Amino acid sequence: MSKENPSPPPQINPYIFPLILAGMGIWCLYDGWLSSNPEMQEYLLFNRIGGVVLMLWATFDFRRTRRLERQDLAAESSEESDN
């Protein structure tokens, strides 16, 4: 039962990773600055630093992904205009 042309696997949206990073960053920021849970006081510094780092990483990765998509679209449009 082999297929001649198997269908390609589904594509994952490139913005999933920055979205996950931002979600984790928001969670850490909440635990670091807004949470009143006394158990979280032990991890206060970790959550504050982690939240800032994750949000910066998410922002950087979002901008990089957006720039790469724009470059791909520009390359595709220039290839179509050449044909």
Protein backbone atom coordinates (compact mmCIF):
# COMPACT_ATOMS: atom_id res chain seq x y z
CA MET A 1 0.00 0.00 0.00
CA SER A 2 2.42 2.67 -1.09
CA LYS A 3 1.22 5.99 -2.40
CA GLU A 4 2.91 7.62 -5.34
CA ASN A 5 2.47 11.18 -4.04
CA PRO A 6 2.01 11.25 -0.28
CA SER A 7 0.59 14.46 1.08
CA PRO A 8 3.04 16.74 2.89
CA PRO A 9 2.81 17.04 6.66
CA PRO A 10 0.85 19.99 8.00
CA GLN A 11 2.80 23.21 8.38
CA ILE A 12 3.18 24.79 11.81
CA ASN A 13 2.60 28.51 12.04
CA PRO A 14 5.98 30.24 12.57
CA TYR A 15 4.47 32.52 15.22
CA ILE A 16 3.71 29.63 17.62
CA PHE A 17 7.12 29.75 19.32
CA PRO A 18 7.05 33.51 20.04
CA LEU A 19 3.49 33.12 21.32
CA ILE A 20 4.53 30.35 23.71
CA LEU A 21 7.49 32.41 24.91
CA ALA A 22 5.26 35.42 25.51
CA GLY A 23 2.76 33.29 27.42
CA MET A 24 5.48 31.92 29.68
CA GLY A 25 6.89 35.44 30.10
CA ILE A 26 3.51 36.82 31.13
CA TRP A 27 3.12 33.98 33.61
CA CYS A 28 6.54 34.69 35.13
CA LEU A 29 5.86 38.44 35.24
CA TYR A 30 2.58 37.81 37.04
CA ASP A 31 4.25 35.53 39.59
CA GLY A 32 7.14 37.95 40.02
CA TRP A 33 5.25 41.22 40.50
CA LEU A 34 1.51 40.68 40.92
CA SER A 35 1.02 37.39 42.73
CA SER A 36 0.21 37.53 46.44
CA ASN A 37 0.78 33.80 46.95
CA PRO A 38 3.24 33.42 49.86
CA GLU A 39 4.70 30.25 48.33
CA MET A 40 5.85 32.23 45.29
CA GLN A 41 7.98 34.60 47.40
CA GLU A 42 10.75 32.01 47.33
CA TYR A 43 10.94 32.28 43.52
CA LEU A 44 10.34 36.02 43.25
CA LEU A 45 13.72 36.99 41.75
CA PHE A 46 13.71 34.02 39.37
CA ASN A 47 10.24 34.94 38.05
CA ARG A 48 11.12 38.61 37.64
CA ILE A 49 14.30 37.90 35.69
CA GLY A 50 12.71 35.02 33.76
CA GLY A 51 9.70 37.11 32.81
CA VAL A 52 11.81 39.93 31.41
CA VAL A 53 14.12 37.56 29.55
CA LEU A 54 11.23 35.57 28.06
CA MET A 55 9.36 38.70 26.95
CA LEU A 56 12.50 40.11 25.31
CA TRP A 57 13.16 36.77 23.62
CA ALA A 58 9.55 36.58 22.39
CA THR A 59 9.75 40.12 21.00
CA PHE A 60 13.06 39.43 19.27
CA ASP A 61 11.83 36.14 17.79
CA PHE A 62 8.53 37.68 16.63
CA ARG A 63 10.34 40.49 14.83
CA ARG A 64 12.84 38.05 13.29
CA THR A 65 10.06 35.74 12.07
CA ARG A 66 8.13 38.69 10.63
CA ARG A 67 11.23 40.00 8.84
CA LEU A 68 11.98 36.56 7.36
CA GLU A 69 8.40 36.16 6.14
CA ARG A 70 8.54 39.57 4.46
CA GLN A 71 11.81 38.63 2.77
CA ASP A 72 10.28 35.38 1.52
CA LEU A 73 7.25 37.22 0.15
CA ALA A 74 9.49 39.77 -1.56
CA ALA A 75 11.59 36.97 -3.09
CA GLU A 76 8.48 35.16 -4.32
CA SER A 77 7.03 38.31 -5.85
CA SER A 78 10.31 39.13 -7.59
CA GLU A 79 10.46 35.57 -8.99
CA GLU A 80 6.91 35.91 -10.31
CA SER A 81 7.69 39.23 -11.94
CA ASP A 82 10.78 37.74 -13.61
CA ASN A 83 8.69 35.00 -15.26
